[in-house]
Amino acid sequence: MKLTWLMKVICIVTLLAILVVTFGCRNYSTPERERRRAYAVRSDMDRMSDDVDWILGLHRPVFSYDETMR
């Protein structure tokens, strides 16, 4: 009997937690947040090629590079 009540209480608490998370986070997707997120993604994509160049060591000219040969 106690186990049945305990299971019912656990189920009710779980359902309440799901409802609180679902309806309590309504302002998660505001237009300002979406705009900032889009800006962050766009700026990260712009910097990605610089990061790859730095990782590969391409940000420094090699010794065999000669500017007069352009």
PDB file of N, CA and C in Angstrom:
ATOM      1  N   MET A   1       0.814  -1.190   0.000  1.00  0.00           N
ATOM      2  CA  MET A   1       0.000   0.000   0.000  1.00  0.00           C
ATOM      3  C   MET A   1       0.862   1.260   0.000  1.00  0.00           C
ATOM      4  N   LYS A   2       1.884   1.272   0.833  1.00  0.00           N
ATOM      5  CA  LYS A   2       2.777   2.434   0.877  1.00  0.00           C
ATOM      6  C   LYS A   2       3.529   2.590  -0.445  1.00  0.00           C
ATOM      7  N   LEU A   3       3.885   1.479  -1.034  1.00  0.00           N
ATOM      8  CA  LEU A   3       4.607   1.515  -2.302  1.00  0.00           C
ATOM      9  C   LEU A   3       3.726   2.092  -3.409  1.00  0.00           C
ATOM     10  N   THR A   4       2.450   1.773  -3.399  1.00  0.00           N
ATOM     11  CA  THR A   4       1.516   2.308  -4.395  1.00  0.00           C
ATOM     12  C   THR A   4       1.404   3.825  -4.265  1.00  0.00           C
ATOM     13  N   TRP A   5       1.275   4.315  -3.036  1.00  0.00           N
ATOM     14  CA  TRP A   5       1.199   5.761  -2.828  1.00  0.00           C
ATOM     15  C   TRP A   5       2.500   6.446  -3.226  1.00  0.00           C
ATOM     16  N   LEU A   6       3.596   5.804  -2.918  1.00  0.00           N
ATOM     17  CA  LEU A   6       4.891   6.368  -3.278  1.00  0.00           C
ATOM     18  C   LEU A   6       5.034   6.480  -4.795  1.00  0.00           C
ATOM     19  N   MET A   7       4.602   5.461  -5.506  1.00  0.00           N
ATOM     20  CA  MET A   7       4.670   5.498  -6.970  1.00  0.00           C
ATOM     21  C   MET A   7       3.763   6.584  -7.535  1.00  0.00           C
ATOM     22  N   LYS A   8       2.567   6.756  -6.950  1.00  0.00           N
ATOM     23  CA  LYS A   8       1.651   7.809  -7.398  1.00  0.00           C
ATOM     24  C   LYS A   8       2.259   9.187  -7.168  1.00  0.00           C
ATOM     25  N   VAL A   9       2.879   9.389  -6.028  1.00  0.00           N
ATOM     26  CA  VAL A   9       3.506  10.679  -5.722  1.00  0.00           C
ATOM     27  C   VAL A   9       4.659  10.946  -6.676  1.00  0.00           C
ATOM     28  N   ILE A  10       5.449   9.936  -6.946  1.00  0.00           N
ATOM     29  CA  ILE A  10       6.571  10.105  -7.887  1.00  0.00           C
ATOM     30  C   ILE A  10       6.061  10.461  -9.277  1.00  0.00           C
ATOM     31  N   CYS A  11       5.003   9.814  -9.725  1.00  0.00           N
ATOM     32  CA  CYS A  11       4.432  10.120 -11.042  1.00  0.00           C
ATOM     33  C   CYS A  11       3.876  11.541 -11.089  1.00  0.00           C
ATOM     34  N   ILE A  12       3.194  11.974 -10.046  1.00  0.00           N
ATOM     35  CA  ILE A  12       2.638  13.324 -10.013  1.00  0.00           C
ATOM     36  C   ILE A  12       3.752  14.367  -9.998  1.00  0.00           C
ATOM     37  N   VAL A  13       4.785  14.139  -9.216  1.00  0.00           N
ATOM     38  CA  VAL A  13       5.915  15.072  -9.164  1.00  0.00           C
ATOM     39  C   VAL A  13       6.618  15.138 -10.517  1.00  0.00           C
ATOM     40  N   THR A  14       6.763  14.011 -11.166  1.00  0.00           N
ATOM     41  CA  THR A  14       7.389  13.989 -12.496  1.00  0.00           C
ATOM     42  C   THR A  14       6.554  14.765 -13.501  1.00  0.00           C
ATOM     43  N   LEU A  15       5.249  14.557 -13.502  1.00  0.00           N
ATOM     44  CA  LEU A  15       4.371  15.293 -14.411  1.00  0.00           C
ATOM     45  C   LEU A  15       4.404  16.791 -14.125  1.00  0.00           C
ATOM     46  N   LEU A  16       4.404  17.158 -12.868  1.00  0.00           N
ATOM     47  CA  LEU A  16       4.492  18.574 -12.519  1.00  0.00           C
ATOM     48  C   LEU A  16       5.813  19.179 -12.975  1.00  0.00           C
ATOM     49  N   ALA A  17       6.888  18.447 -12.843  1.00  0.00           N
ATOM     50  CA  ALA A  17       8.194  18.936 -13.296  1.00  0.00           C
ATOM     51  C   ALA A  17       8.202  19.152 -14.810  1.00  0.00           C
ATOM     52  N   ILE A  18       7.604  18.235 -15.540  1.00  0.00           N
ATOM     53  CA  ILE A  18       7.530  18.381 -16.997  1.00  0.00           C
ATOM     54  C   ILE A  18       6.699  19.601 -17.357  1.00  0.00           C
ATOM     55  N   LEU A  19       5.580  19.812 -16.674  1.00  0.00           N
ATOM     56  CA  LEU A  19       4.744  20.979 -16.944  1.00  0.00           C
ATOM     57  C   LEU A  19       5.459  22.285 -16.614  1.00  0.00           C
ATOM     58  N   VAL A  20       6.179  22.305 -15.517  1.00  0.00           N
ATOM     59  CA  VAL A  20       6.910  23.519 -15.135  1.00  0.00           C
ATOM     60  C   VAL A  20       7.984  23.837 -16.161  1.00  0.00           C
ATOM     61  N   VAL A  21       8.698  22.830 -16.599  1.00  0.00           N
ATOM     62  CA  VAL A  21       9.742  23.060 -17.601  1.00  0.00           C
ATOM     63  C   VAL A  21       9.131  23.501 -18.922  1.00  0.00           C
ATOM     64  N   THR A  22       8.032  22.900 -19.313  1.00  0.00           N
ATOM     65  CA  THR A  22       7.391  23.232 -20.584  1.00  0.00           C
ATOM     66  C   THR A  22       6.817  24.634 -20.583  1.00  0.00           C
ATOM     67  N   PHE A  23       6.058  24.969 -19.576  1.00  0.00           N
ATOM     68  CA  PHE A  23       5.384  26.263 -19.559  1.00  0.00           C
ATOM     69  C   PHE A  23       6.196  27.347 -18.859  1.00  0.00           C
ATOM     70  N   GLY A  24       7.180  26.973 -18.089  1.00  0.00           N
ATOM     71  CA  GLY A  24       7.993  27.961 -17.379  1.00  0.00           C
ATOM     72  C   GLY A  24       9.091  28.554 -18.229  1.00  0.00           C
ATOM     73  N   CYS A  25       9.404  27.940 -19.340  1.00  0.00           N
ATOM     74  CA  CYS A  25      10.483  28.417 -20.205  1.00  0.00           C
ATOM     75  C   CYS A  25       9.930  29.033 -21.484  1.00  0.00           C
ATOM     76  N   ARG A  26       8.843  29.723 -21.396  1.00  0.00           N
ATOM     77  CA  ARG A  26       8.230  30.320 -22.583  1.00  0.00           C
ATOM     78  C   ARG A  26       9.094  31.405 -23.210  1.00  0.00           C
ATOM     79  N   ASN A  27       9.813  32.147 -22.398  1.00  0.00           N
ATOM     80  CA  ASN A  27      10.612  33.240 -22.946  1.00  0.00           C
ATOM     81  C   ASN A  27      11.941  32.756 -23.514  1.00  0.00           C
ATOM     82  N   TYR A  28      12.103  31.458 -23.634  1.00  0.00           N
ATOM     83  CA  TYR A  28      13.344  30.920 -24.198  1.00  0.00           C
ATOM     84  C   TYR A  28      13.487  31.307 -25.664  1.00  0.00           C
ATOM     85  N   SER A  29      12.397  31.385 -26.381  1.00  0.00           N
ATOM     86  CA  SER A  29      12.455  31.622 -27.815  1.00  0.00           C
ATOM     87  C   SER A  29      11.925  33.010 -28.173  1.00  0.00           C
ATOM     88  N   THR A  30      12.434  34.023 -27.508  1.00  0.00           N
ATOM     89  CA  THR A  30      12.018  35.386 -27.820  1.00  0.00           C
ATOM     90  C   THR A  30      12.737  35.848 -29.080  1.00  0.00           C
ATOM     91  N   PRO A  31      12.205  36.837 -29.773  1.00  0.00           N
ATOM     92  CA  PRO A  31      12.867  37.329 -30.991  1.00  0.00           C
ATOM     93  C   PRO A  31      14.290  37.843 -30.737  1.00  0.00           C
ATOM     94  N   GLU A  32      14.512  38.464 -29.579  1.00  0.00           N
ATOM     95  CA  GLU A  32      15.863  38.957 -29.288  1.00  0.00           C
ATOM     96  C   GLU A  32      16.845  37.810 -29.123  1.00  0.00           C
ATOM     97  N   ARG A  33      16.421  36.764 -28.433  1.00  0.00           N
ATOM     98  CA  ARG A  33      17.298  35.600 -28.279  1.00  0.00           C
ATOM     99  C   ARG A  33      17.588  34.951 -29.625  1.00  0.00           C
ATOM    100  N   GLU A  34      16.584  34.848 -30.469  1.00  0.00           N
ATOM    101  CA  GLU A  34      16.775  34.263 -31.796  1.00  0.00           C
ATOM    102  C   GLU A  34      17.750  35.115 -32.623  1.00  0.00           C
ATOM    103  N   ARG A  35      17.632  36.441 -32.507  1.00  0.00           N
ATOM    104  CA  ARG A  35      18.521  37.339 -33.245  1.00  0.00           C
ATOM    105  C   ARG A  35      19.955  37.191 -32.746  1.00  0.00           C
ATOM    106  N   ARG A  36      20.135  37.138 -31.418  1.00  0.00           N
ATOM    107  CA  ARG A  36      21.488  36.979 -30.870  1.00  0.00           C
ATOM    108  C   ARG A  36      22.076  35.629 -31.243  1.00  0.00           C
ATOM    109  N   ARG A  37      21.237  34.592 -31.223  1.00  0.00           N
ATOM    110  CA  ARG A  37      21.715  33.260 -31.592  1.00  0.00           C
ATOM    111  C   ARG A  37      22.137  33.222 -33.054  1.00  0.00           C
ATOM    112  N   ALA A  38      21.340  33.839 -33.921  1.00  0.00           N
ATOM    113  CA  ALA A  38      21.683  33.876 -35.350  1.00  0.00           C
ATOM    114  C   ALA A  38      22.982  34.644 -35.566  1.00  0.00           C
ATOM    115  N   TYR A  39      23.179  35.736 -34.831  1.00  0.00           N
ATOM    116  CA  TYR A  39      24.422  36.502 -34.952  1.00  0.00           C
ATOM    117  C   TYR A  39      25.618  35.678 -34.483  1.00  0.00           C
ATOM    118  N   ALA A  40      25.452  34.958 -33.370  1.00  0.00           N
ATOM    119  CA  ALA A  40      26.545  34.140 -32.852  1.00  0.00           C
ATOM    120  C   ALA A  40      26.917  33.037 -33.845  1.00  0.00           C
ATOM    121  N   VAL A  41      25.928  32.395 -34.426  1.00  0.00           N
ATOM    122  CA  VAL A  41      26.199  31.327 -35.399  1.00  0.00           C
ATOM    123  C   VAL A  41      26.884  31.908 -36.625  1.00  0.00           C
ATOM    124  N   ARG A  42      26.400  33.047 -37.110  1.00  0.00           N
ATOM    125  CA  ARG A  42      26.980  33.673 -38.292  1.00  0.00           C
ATOM    126  C   ARG A  42      28.425  34.100 -38.040  1.00  0.00           C
ATOM    127  N   SER A  43      28.698  34.703 -36.882  1.00  0.00           N
ATOM    128  CA  SER A  43      30.060  35.141 -36.597  1.00  0.00           C
ATOM    129  C   SER A  43      30.990  33.945 -36.370  1.00  0.00           C
ATOM    130  N   ASP A  44      30.478  32.873 -35.764  1.00  0.00           N
ATOM    131  CA  ASP A  44      31.293  31.672 -35.588  1.00  0.00           C
ATOM    132  C   ASP A  44      31.641  31.041 -36.934  1.00  0.00           C
ATOM    133  N   MET A  45      30.697  31.042 -37.860  1.00  0.00           N
ATOM    134  CA  MET A  45      30.970  30.490 -39.186  1.00  0.00           C
ATOM    135  C   MET A  45      32.008  31.336 -39.921  1.00  0.00           C
ATOM    136  N   ASP A  46      31.968  32.653 -39.723  1.00  0.00           N
ATOM    137  CA  ASP A  46      32.960  33.528 -40.352  1.00  0.00           C
ATOM    138  C   ASP A  46      34.351  33.280 -39.798  1.00  0.00           C
ATOM    139  N   ARG A  47      34.446  32.990 -38.520  1.00  0.00           N
ATOM    140  CA  ARG A  47      35.756  32.781 -37.882  1.00  0.00           C
ATOM    141  C   ARG A  47      36.294  31.370 -38.073  1.00  0.00           C
ATOM    142  N   MET A  48      35.441  30.456 -38.538  1.00  0.00           N
ATOM    143  CA  MET A  48      35.851  29.059 -38.646  1.00  0.00           C
ATOM    144  C   MET A  48      37.034  28.883 -39.603  1.00  0.00           C
ATOM    145  N   SER A  49      37.032  29.577 -40.722  1.00  0.00           N
ATOM    146  CA  SER A  49      38.132  29.414 -41.674  1.00  0.00           C
ATOM    147  C   SER A  49      39.437  29.936 -41.078  1.00  0.00           C
ATOM    148  N   ASP A  50      39.382  31.021 -40.307  1.00  0.00           N
ATOM    149  CA  ASP A  50      40.586  31.511 -39.635  1.00  0.00           C
ATOM    150  C   ASP A  50      41.097  30.500 -38.619  1.00  0.00           C
ATOM    151  N   ASP A  51      40.191  29.854 -37.899  1.00  0.00           N
ATOM    152  CA  ASP A  51      40.598  28.848 -36.926  1.00  0.00           C
ATOM    153  C   ASP A  51      41.245  27.645 -37.600  1.00  0.00           C
ATOM    154  N   VAL A  52      40.684  27.207 -38.706  1.00  0.00           N
ATOM    155  CA  VAL A  52      41.260  26.071 -39.432  1.00  0.00           C
ATOM    156  C   VAL A  52      42.641  26.436 -39.956  1.00  0.00           C
ATOM    157  N   ASP A  53      42.789  27.644 -40.497  1.00  0.00           N
ATOM    158  CA  ASP A  53      44.103  28.085 -40.963  1.00  0.00           C
ATOM    159  C   ASP A  53      45.111  28.104 -39.824  1.00  0.00           C
ATOM    160  N   TRP A  54      44.691  28.570 -38.653  1.00  0.00           N
ATOM    161  CA  TRP A  54      45.595  28.622 -37.512  1.00  0.00           C
ATOM    162  C   TRP A  54      45.983  27.220 -37.065  1.00  0.00           C
ATOM    163  N   ILE A  55      45.003  26.290 -37.032  1.00  0.00           N
ATOM    164  CA  ILE A  55      45.288  24.912 -36.613  1.00  0.00           C
ATOM    165  C   ILE A  55      46.278  24.255 -37.572  1.00  0.00           C
ATOM    166  N   LEU A  56      46.102  24.499 -38.876  1.00  0.00           N
ATOM    167  CA  LEU A  56      46.987  23.889 -39.864  1.00  0.00           C
ATOM    168  C   LEU A  56      48.307  24.631 -40.009  1.00  0.00           C
ATOM    169  N   GLY A  57      48.435  25.767 -39.355  1.00  0.00           N
ATOM    170  CA  GLY A  57      49.676  26.534 -39.431  1.00  0.00           C
ATOM    171  C   GLY A  57      49.768  27.369 -40.690  1.00  0.00           C
ATOM    172  N   LEU A  58      48.651  27.646 -41.322  1.00  0.00           N
ATOM    173  CA  LEU A  58      48.662  28.401 -42.565  1.00  0.00           C
ATOM    174  C   LEU A  58      48.559  29.906 -42.338  1.00  0.00           C
ATOM    175  N   HIS A  59      48.509  30.333 -41.098  1.00  0.00           N
ATOM    176  CA  HIS A  59      48.388  31.760 -40.816  1.00  0.00           C
ATOM    177  C   HIS A  59      49.730  32.474 -40.934  1.00  0.00           C
ATOM    178  N   ARG A  60      50.825  31.723 -41.005  1.00  0.00           N
ATOM    179  CA  ARG A  60      52.156  32.305 -41.192  1.00  0.00           C
ATOM    180  C   ARG A  60      52.668  31.926 -42.577  1.00  0.00           C
ATOM    181  N   PRO A  61      53.307  32.820 -43.232  1.00  0.00           N
ATOM    182  CA  PRO A  61      53.889  32.445 -44.522  1.00  0.00           C
ATOM    183  C   PRO A  61      55.039  31.460 -44.330  1.00  0.00           C
ATOM    184  N   VAL A  62      55.197  30.563 -45.269  1.00  0.00           N
ATOM    185  CA  VAL A  62      56.288  29.596 -45.188  1.00  0.00           C
ATOM    186  C   VAL A  62      57.584  30.252 -45.643  1.00  0.00           C
ATOM    187  N   PHE A  63      58.707  29.609 -45.342  1.00  0.00           N
ATOM    188  CA  PHE A  63      60.004  30.185 -45.696  1.00  0.00           C
ATOM    189  C   PHE A  63      60.196  30.274 -47.202  1.00  0.00           C
ATOM    190  N   SER A  64      59.591  29.371 -47.933  1.00  0.00           N
ATOM    191  CA  SER A  64      59.792  29.360 -49.374  1.00  0.00           C
ATOM    192  C   SER A  64      58.908  30.378 -50.097  1.00  0.00           C
ATOM    193  N   TYR A  65      58.060  31.073 -49.362  1.00  0.00           N
ATOM    194  CA  TYR A  65      57.159  32.058 -49.965  1.00  0.00           C
ATOM    195  C   TYR A  65      57.941  33.323 -50.302  1.00  0.00           C
ATOM    196  N   ASP A  66      57.797  33.795 -51.522  1.00  0.00           N
ATOM    197  CA  ASP A  66      58.492  35.002 -51.963  1.00  0.00           C
ATOM    198  C   ASP A  66      57.461  35.969 -52.511  1.00  0.00           C
ATOM    199  N   GLU A  67      57.360  37.148 -51.914  1.00  0.00           N
ATOM    200  CA  GLU A  67      56.352  38.122 -52.338  1.00  0.00           C
ATOM    201  C   GLU A  67      56.624  38.676 -53.724  1.00  0.00           C
ATOM    202  N   THR A  68      57.851  38.615 -54.161  1.00  0.00           N
ATOM    203  CA  THR A  68      58.172  39.157 -55.488  1.00  0.00           C
ATOM    204  C   THR A  68      57.691  38.250 -56.610  1.00  0.00           C
ATOM    205  N   MET A  69      57.284  37.045 -56.294  1.00  0.00           N
ATOM    206  CA  MET A  69      56.862  36.076 -57.304  1.00  0.00           C
ATOM    207  C   MET A  69      55.367  36.170 -57.603  1.00  0.00           C
ATOM    208  N   ARG A  70      54.691  37.157 -57.137  1.00  0.00           N
ATOM    209  CA  ARG A  70      53.246  37.264 -57.376  1.00  0.00           C
ATOM    210  C   ARG A  70      52.967  37.495 -58.805  1.00  0.00           C
TER     211      ARG A  70
END
